[in-house]
Amino acid sequence: VNLAALERFEPGTQVTPETLRAAGILKHLREPVKILARGELTRALSVSAHAFSAAAKERIEAAGGTVIVAGPTSIEDGDQA
């Protein structure tokens, strides 16, 4: 997921794989979510994902946000692998 996709969330929002799915950014929750640095982030968000590129982590923190490394993925939406 690119940083540009996170701009749609209000400042202060806790962004998780579940909120990304609810916003239509992810189609399912079967695979790990990695945040990439493509695009700009101007909002302070608390972002939880399974992995972050070094540049994405740096930009999230520079915008006043926090980075949380999430645990393993789960099949949550009824889809079978």
N, C-alpha and C. Protein backbone atom coordinates (compact mmCIF):
# COMPACT_ATOMS: atom_id res chain seq x y z
N VAL A 1 0.86 -1.17 0.00
CA VAL A 1 0.00 0.00 0.00
C VAL A 1 0.90 1.23 0.00
N ASN A 2 0.63 2.15 -0.91
CA ASN A 2 1.42 3.37 -1.00
C ASN A 2 0.94 4.42 0.00
N LEU A 3 1.86 5.27 0.43
CA LEU A 3 1.52 6.35 1.35
C LEU A 3 0.39 7.22 0.81
N ALA A 4 0.38 7.46 -0.49
CA ALA A 4 -0.64 8.32 -1.09
C ALA A 4 -2.05 7.81 -0.77
N ALA A 5 -2.22 6.50 -0.65
CA ALA A 5 -3.54 5.93 -0.34
C ALA A 5 -3.98 6.26 1.08
N LEU A 6 -3.03 6.55 1.96
CA LEU A 6 -3.36 6.86 3.35
C LEU A 6 -3.86 8.28 3.54
N GLU A 7 -3.67 9.13 2.54
CA GLU A 7 -4.10 10.53 2.63
C GLU A 7 -5.60 10.67 2.79
N ARG A 8 -6.37 9.66 2.43
CA ARG A 8 -7.84 9.76 2.53
C ARG A 8 -8.33 9.69 3.97
N PHE A 9 -7.48 9.22 4.89
CA PHE A 9 -7.89 9.10 6.29
C PHE A 9 -7.71 10.43 7.01
N GLU A 10 -8.60 10.70 7.96
CA GLU A 10 -8.53 11.92 8.75
C GLU A 10 -7.31 11.88 9.68
N PRO A 11 -6.70 13.04 9.96
CA PRO A 11 -5.58 13.07 10.91
C PRO A 11 -5.98 12.44 12.24
N GLY A 12 -5.06 11.69 12.81
CA GLY A 12 -5.31 11.03 14.09
C GLY A 12 -5.93 9.65 13.98
N THR A 13 -6.30 9.25 12.77
CA THR A 13 -6.92 7.94 12.57
C THR A 13 -5.93 6.82 12.81
N GLN A 14 -6.41 5.73 13.39
CA GLN A 14 -5.60 4.52 13.51
C GLN A 14 -5.88 3.68 12.27
N VAL A 15 -4.89 3.54 11.41
CA VAL A 15 -5.02 2.81 10.15
C VAL A 15 -4.50 1.39 10.35
N THR A 16 -5.35 0.41 10.10
CA THR A 16 -5.01 -1.00 10.25
C THR A 16 -5.36 -1.73 8.96
N PRO A 17 -4.93 -2.97 8.80
CA PRO A 17 -5.37 -3.72 7.62
C PRO A 17 -6.90 -3.76 7.50
N GLU A 18 -7.59 -3.83 8.63
CA GLU A 18 -9.05 -3.86 8.60
C GLU A 18 -9.64 -2.55 8.09
N THR A 19 -9.09 -1.41 8.54
CA THR A 19 -9.61 -0.12 8.06
C THR A 19 -9.25 0.09 6.59
N LEU A 20 -8.10 -0.43 6.16
CA LEU A 20 -7.74 -0.34 4.74
C LEU A 20 -8.72 -1.15 3.90
N ARG A 21 -9.13 -2.31 4.39
CA ARG A 21 -10.11 -3.12 3.66
C ARG A 21 -11.46 -2.42 3.62
N ALA A 22 -11.89 -1.87 4.75
CA ALA A 22 -13.18 -1.18 4.82
C ALA A 22 -13.22 0.03 3.88
N ALA A 23 -12.07 0.67 3.67
CA ALA A 23 -11.99 1.84 2.78
C ALA A 23 -11.86 1.44 1.32
N GLY A 24 -11.77 0.14 1.04
CA GLY A 24 -11.66 -0.32 -0.34
C GLY A 24 -10.24 -0.32 -0.89
N ILE A 25 -9.26 -0.09 -0.04
CA ILE A 25 -7.86 -0.08 -0.48
C ILE A 25 -7.34 -1.51 -0.62
N LEU A 26 -7.77 -2.40 0.27
CA LEU A 26 -7.42 -3.82 0.19
C LEU A 26 -8.66 -4.62 -0.21
N LYS A 27 -8.46 -5.67 -1.00
CA LYS A 27 -9.58 -6.53 -1.39
C LYS A 27 -9.85 -7.61 -0.35
N HIS A 28 -8.82 -8.05 0.36
CA HIS A 28 -8.96 -9.10 1.36
C HIS A 28 -7.84 -8.97 2.37
N LEU A 29 -7.90 -9.78 3.40
CA LEU A 29 -6.90 -9.73 4.48
C LEU A 29 -6.07 -11.00 4.55
N ARG A 30 -5.95 -11.71 3.44
CA ARG A 30 -5.23 -12.99 3.45
C ARG A 30 -3.71 -12.84 3.40
N GLU A 31 -3.22 -11.72 2.93
CA GLU A 31 -1.78 -11.56 2.77
C GLU A 31 -1.26 -10.42 3.64
N PRO A 32 0.02 -10.46 3.99
CA PRO A 32 0.60 -9.37 4.78
C PRO A 32 0.50 -8.03 4.05
N VAL A 33 0.37 -6.98 4.83
CA VAL A 33 0.27 -5.62 4.29
C VAL A 33 1.60 -4.92 4.51
N LYS A 34 2.17 -4.38 3.43
CA LYS A 34 3.40 -3.61 3.52
C LYS A 34 3.11 -2.19 3.05
N ILE A 35 3.58 -1.22 3.81
CA ILE A 35 3.40 0.19 3.46
C ILE A 35 4.66 0.65 2.73
N LEU A 36 4.45 1.23 1.56
CA LEU A 36 5.55 1.71 0.71
C LEU A 36 5.53 3.23 0.66
N ALA A 37 6.66 3.82 0.29
CA ALA A 37 6.84 5.27 0.38
C ALA A 37 6.38 6.06 -0.84
N ARG A 38 5.69 5.46 -1.77
CA ARG A 38 5.27 6.20 -2.96
C ARG A 38 4.16 7.18 -2.61
N GLY A 39 4.37 8.44 -2.95
CA GLY A 39 3.40 9.48 -2.64
C GLY A 39 3.78 10.23 -1.38
N GLU A 40 2.98 11.22 -1.07
CA GLU A 40 3.23 12.06 0.10
C GLU A 40 2.23 11.74 1.20
N LEU A 41 2.63 11.96 2.43
CA LEU A 41 1.73 11.84 3.57
C LEU A 41 1.86 13.11 4.39
N THR A 42 0.76 13.83 4.54
CA THR A 42 0.78 15.10 5.26
C THR A 42 -0.01 15.04 6.56
N ARG A 43 -0.54 13.87 6.89
CA ARG A 43 -1.39 13.72 8.07
C ARG A 43 -0.73 12.82 9.11
N ALA A 44 -0.94 13.15 10.37
CA ALA A 44 -0.42 12.32 11.45
C ALA A 44 -1.38 11.15 11.65
N LEU A 45 -0.94 9.95 11.30
CA LEU A 45 -1.74 8.74 11.42
C LEU A 45 -0.98 7.71 12.24
N SER A 46 -1.72 6.84 12.90
CA SER A 46 -1.12 5.68 13.56
C SER A 46 -1.34 4.52 12.61
N VAL A 47 -0.27 4.04 11.98
CA VAL A 47 -0.38 3.05 10.92
C VAL A 47 0.12 1.70 11.41
N SER A 48 -0.75 0.71 11.33
CA SER A 48 -0.41 -0.66 11.71
C SER A 48 -0.39 -1.51 10.45
N ALA A 49 0.74 -2.17 10.19
CA ALA A 49 0.88 -3.04 9.02
C ALA A 49 1.90 -4.12 9.37
N HIS A 50 2.03 -5.10 8.50
CA HIS A 50 2.96 -6.20 8.75
C HIS A 50 4.40 -5.82 8.43
N ALA A 51 4.58 -4.83 7.54
CA ALA A 51 5.93 -4.39 7.17
C ALA A 51 5.85 -2.97 6.62
N PHE A 52 6.98 -2.27 6.70
CA PHE A 52 7.10 -0.90 6.20
C PHE A 52 8.43 -0.77 5.49
N SER A 53 8.45 -0.06 4.37
CA SER A 53 9.75 0.28 3.79
C SER A 53 10.38 1.31 4.73
N ALA A 54 11.70 1.40 4.71
CA ALA A 54 12.39 2.35 5.58
C ALA A 54 11.94 3.77 5.30
N ALA A 55 11.77 4.11 4.02
CA ALA A 55 11.35 5.46 3.64
C ALA A 55 9.92 5.73 4.09
N ALA A 56 9.03 4.74 4.00
CA ALA A 56 7.65 4.93 4.44
C ALA A 56 7.60 5.18 5.95
N LYS A 57 8.35 4.40 6.70
CA LYS A 57 8.41 4.58 8.16
C LYS A 57 8.88 5.99 8.49
N GLU A 58 9.92 6.42 7.81
CA GLU A 58 10.48 7.75 8.03
C GLU A 58 9.45 8.85 7.74
N ARG A 59 8.72 8.71 6.63
CA ARG A 59 7.74 9.73 6.24
C ARG A 59 6.52 9.76 7.16
N ILE A 60 6.09 8.60 7.62
CA ILE A 60 4.96 8.55 8.56
C ILE A 60 5.34 9.26 9.85
N GLU A 61 6.53 8.98 10.35
CA GLU A 61 6.99 9.61 11.58
C GLU A 61 7.25 11.10 11.38
N ALA A 62 7.75 11.49 10.21
CA ALA A 62 8.00 12.91 9.92
C ALA A 62 6.69 13.70 9.88
N ALA A 63 5.59 13.04 9.51
CA ALA A 63 4.28 13.70 9.46
C ALA A 63 3.63 13.73 10.85
N GLY A 64 4.33 13.20 11.86
CA GLY A 64 3.80 13.20 13.22
C GLY A 64 3.05 11.94 13.59
N GLY A 65 3.10 10.94 12.73
CA GLY A 65 2.39 9.69 12.97
C GLY A 65 3.25 8.65 13.66
N THR A 66 2.66 7.49 13.88
CA THR A 66 3.37 6.38 14.50
C THR A 66 3.25 5.14 13.63
N VAL A 67 4.24 4.25 13.78
CA VAL A 67 4.31 3.01 13.01
C VAL A 67 4.19 1.85 14.00
N ILE A 68 3.28 0.91 13.69
CA ILE A 68 3.09 -0.27 14.53
C ILE A 68 3.21 -1.50 13.64
N VAL A 69 4.13 -2.40 13.97
CA VAL A 69 4.28 -3.63 13.20
C VAL A 69 3.26 -4.64 13.73
N ALA A 70 2.35 -5.06 12.84
CA ALA A 70 1.25 -5.96 13.21
C ALA A 70 1.73 -7.41 13.25
N GLY A 71 0.92 -8.25 13.87
CA GLY A 71 1.19 -9.68 13.94
C GLY A 71 0.83 -10.37 12.64
N PRO A 72 0.77 -11.69 12.66
CA PRO A 72 0.48 -12.46 11.45
C PRO A 72 -0.90 -12.17 10.89
N THR A 73 -1.08 -12.50 9.61
CA THR A 73 -2.36 -12.28 8.94
C THR A 73 -3.36 -13.35 9.33
N SER A 74 -4.62 -13.08 9.05
CA SER A 74 -5.67 -14.07 9.30
C SER A 74 -6.69 -14.00 8.17
N ILE A 75 -7.36 -15.12 7.94
CA ILE A 75 -8.44 -15.12 6.95
C ILE A 75 -9.68 -14.65 7.68
N GLU A 76 -10.11 -13.42 7.38
CA GLU A 76 -11.16 -12.79 8.14
C GLU A 76 -12.45 -12.62 7.38
N ASP A 77 -12.39 -12.53 6.07
CA ASP A 77 -13.58 -12.16 5.31
C ASP A 77 -14.27 -13.34 4.65
N GLY A 78 -14.04 -14.55 5.16
CA GLY A 78 -14.73 -15.71 4.63
C GLY A 78 -14.07 -16.32 3.41
N ASP A 79 -13.04 -15.70 2.88
CA ASP A 79 -12.34 -16.25 1.72
C ASP A 79 -11.47 -17.40 2.17
N GLN A 80 -11.37 -18.41 1.35
CA GLN A 80 -10.48 -19.53 1.63
C GLN A 80 -9.28 -19.45 0.71
N ALA A 81 -8.12 -19.79 1.22
CA ALA A 81 -6.88 -19.70 0.46
C ALA A 81 -6.84 -20.69 -0.67
